[in-house]
Amino acid sequence: ILELGVGTGIVAEKLLELKDDYNITGIDFSNEMLKIAQKKLGNKIKFIKDDVVTTELPLTFDTAFSNGGVWYFIDQEDGTYALCSHISDIYKNFMAMQNIANHIKNDGLLILSVQGIHKNYSQRLPNGIIYSQKILNNEDKNCFDKTN
């Protein structure tokens, strides 16, 4: 299993709780995220610091997935879905998709999560902590910025 945008390892950790002998490789371009994931998961999965646009992995995988990592779908609440990407350049998205397809076995799967629309909200957490986010449209880049 290849996790695209492993981040802090939250999804990989949950998968290993379901079945502890999954063979998971997590790729991410962020050293900071990988350090957190490595601290959390140790050597339970293989970590690779790389960019999905240019990576040349020595393996092919049965499954690759992105759960809010590189790519995901947004349920727009009108019966349609929008494919979203953390890669802002359309050409680099095509390159990355082709690159990842080359790393998935012929009968393998690419799984992308479906999320709700990003909205402004606040939530009270234990110990008096308040988590809030604000979504700002960035028309120049055809994307949005999320502040926490």
Protein backbone atom coordinates (compact mmCIF):
# COMPACT_ATOMS: atom_id res chain seq x y z
CA ILE A 1 0.00 0.00 0.00
CA LEU A 2 1.33 3.44 -0.93
CA GLU A 3 -0.05 6.41 1.00
CA LEU A 4 0.26 9.60 -1.03
CA GLY A 5 0.81 12.49 1.36
CA VAL A 6 1.28 10.41 4.52
CA GLY A 7 1.51 13.59 6.62
CA THR A 8 1.62 12.80 10.32
CA GLY A 9 0.69 9.15 9.74
CA ILE A 10 -2.86 9.29 11.11
CA VAL A 11 -4.42 7.14 8.37
CA ALA A 12 -1.54 4.64 8.29
CA GLU A 13 -1.85 4.30 12.06
CA LYS A 14 -5.58 3.52 11.76
CA LEU A 15 -4.97 0.99 8.98
CA LEU A 16 -2.41 -0.81 11.14
CA GLU A 17 -4.94 -0.94 13.99
CA LEU A 18 -7.26 -2.82 11.62
CA LYS A 19 -4.59 -5.18 10.34
CA ASP A 20 -1.08 -4.96 11.78
CA ASP A 21 0.66 -6.76 8.93
CA TYR A 22 -0.19 -4.28 6.15
CA ASN A 23 2.94 -3.39 4.20
CA ILE A 24 2.61 0.41 3.97
CA THR A 25 4.93 2.94 2.38
CA GLY A 26 4.17 6.59 3.05
CA ILE A 27 5.45 9.36 0.80
CA ASP A 28 5.46 13.05 1.66
CA PHE A 29 7.54 16.07 0.66
CA SER A 30 7.48 17.61 4.15
CA ASN A 31 10.32 16.74 6.53
CA GLU A 32 8.30 18.10 9.46
CA MET A 33 5.31 15.86 8.76
CA LEU A 34 7.51 12.81 8.23
CA LYS A 35 9.31 13.43 11.55
CA ILE A 36 5.95 13.39 13.37
CA ALA A 37 4.84 10.24 11.53
CA GLN A 38 8.18 8.51 12.20
CA LYS A 39 7.93 9.34 15.90
CA LYS A 40 4.37 7.98 16.00
CA LEU A 41 4.86 4.84 13.91
CA GLY A 42 8.57 4.04 14.21
CA ASN A 43 9.48 1.31 11.75
CA LYS A 44 5.93 -0.03 11.31
CA ILE A 45 5.83 1.57 7.84
CA LYS A 46 8.45 2.73 5.36
CA PHE A 47 8.74 6.51 4.96
CA ILE A 48 9.97 8.24 1.81
CA LYS A 49 10.62 11.97 1.52
CA ASP A 50 9.88 12.78 -2.08
CA ASP A 51 7.58 14.57 -4.48
CA VAL A 52 4.88 12.55 -6.29
CA VAL A 53 5.55 14.55 -9.46
CA THR A 54 9.11 13.25 -9.80
CA THR A 55 9.47 10.25 -7.49
CA GLU A 56 11.03 7.08 -8.85
CA LEU A 57 10.18 4.37 -6.34
CA PRO A 58 11.83 0.96 -6.67
CA LEU A 59 8.49 -0.80 -6.08
CA THR A 60 5.04 -1.17 -7.54
CA PHE A 61 2.02 -1.30 -5.25
CA ASP A 62 -1.30 -3.12 -5.14
CA THR A 63 -2.98 0.06 -3.91
CA ALA A 64 -2.17 3.74 -3.67
CA PHE A 65 -4.43 6.10 -1.78
CA SER A 66 -4.76 9.73 -0.87
CA ASN A 67 -7.00 10.70 2.03
CA GLY A 68 -6.79 14.47 1.80
CA GLY A 69 -3.12 14.09 0.94
CA VAL A 70 -2.17 14.92 -2.63
CA TRP A 71 -5.62 14.49 -4.22
CA TYR A 72 -9.18 14.16 -2.94
CA PHE A 73 -12.75 14.78 -4.02
CA ILE A 74 -15.04 17.41 -2.51
CA ASP A 75 -18.74 16.60 -2.25
CA GLN A 76 -20.20 19.91 -3.40
CA GLU A 77 -23.61 19.09 -1.88
CA ASP A 78 -25.38 19.53 -5.24
CA GLY A 79 -24.82 15.98 -6.49
CA THR A 80 -21.46 16.79 -8.06
CA TYR A 81 -17.89 16.24 -6.96
CA ALA A 82 -14.77 18.28 -7.60
CA LEU A 83 -11.30 16.77 -7.80
CA CYS A 84 -8.96 18.80 -5.63
CA SER A 85 -5.19 18.77 -5.51
CA HIS A 86 -2.46 20.15 -3.30
CA ILE A 87 -0.41 20.52 -6.50
CA SER A 88 -1.33 23.93 -7.91
CA ASP A 89 0.04 23.45 -11.45
CA ILE A 90 -2.25 21.48 -13.81
CA TYR A 91 0.66 20.10 -15.87
CA LYS A 92 2.40 18.86 -12.71
CA ASN A 93 -0.86 17.17 -11.68
CA PHE A 94 -0.90 15.24 -14.97
CA MET A 95 2.76 14.31 -14.49
CA ALA A 96 2.11 13.18 -10.92
CA MET A 97 -0.95 11.10 -11.85
CA GLN A 98 1.01 9.37 -14.61
CA ASN A 99 3.95 8.86 -12.29
CA ILE A 100 1.81 7.27 -9.58
CA ALA A 101 0.01 5.13 -12.18
CA ASN A 102 3.44 3.78 -13.16
CA HIS A 103 3.93 2.71 -9.52
CA ILE A 104 0.62 0.81 -9.26
CA LYS A 105 0.36 -2.77 -10.49
CA ASN A 106 -1.78 -3.31 -13.62
CA ASP A 107 -4.70 -4.67 -11.56
CA GLY A 108 -4.09 -2.25 -8.68
CA LEU A 109 -6.23 0.54 -7.28
CA LEU A 110 -5.92 4.28 -6.82
CA ILE A 111 -8.25 5.35 -4.01
CA LEU A 112 -9.11 8.99 -3.34
CA SER A 113 -11.18 10.14 -0.38
CA VAL A 114 -14.36 12.20 -0.54
CA GLN A 115 -14.62 15.13 1.85
CA GLY A 116 -17.23 17.74 2.56
CA ILE A 117 -16.89 21.34 1.48
CA HIS A 118 -14.37 23.27 3.53
CA LYS A 119 -16.28 25.76 5.67
CA ASN A 120 -15.58 28.29 8.37
CA TYR A 121 -16.20 26.85 11.82
CA SER A 122 -15.16 26.74 15.46
CA GLN A 123 -15.17 23.79 17.83
CA ARG A 124 -14.54 23.65 21.58
CA LEU A 125 -12.00 21.02 22.61
CA PRO A 126 -11.06 19.78 26.08
CA ASN A 127 -9.02 22.00 28.41
CA GLY A 128 -10.53 25.23 27.10
CA ILE A 129 -8.96 24.93 23.64
CA ILE A 130 -10.93 26.24 20.67
CA TYR A 131 -10.11 24.96 17.18
CA SER A 132 -11.29 27.21 14.39
CA GLN A 133 -10.68 27.50 10.71
CA LYS A 134 -11.45 30.15 8.15
CA ILE A 135 -11.54 29.48 4.43
CA LEU A 136 -10.31 32.28 2.18
CA ASN A 137 -10.79 32.12 -1.59
CA ASN A 138 -7.59 32.83 -3.49
CA GLU A 139 -8.88 33.84 -6.91
CA ASP A 140 -5.37 34.52 -8.28
CA LYS A 141 -4.35 30.89 -7.79
CA ASN A 142 -7.81 29.33 -8.33
CA CYS A 143 -7.68 27.77 -4.88
CA PHE A 144 -8.43 28.50 -1.26
CA ASP A 145 -6.31 29.09 1.81
CA LYS A 146 -7.27 27.59 5.16
CA THR A 147 -6.21 29.31 8.36
CA ASN A 148 -6.31 27.55 11.73
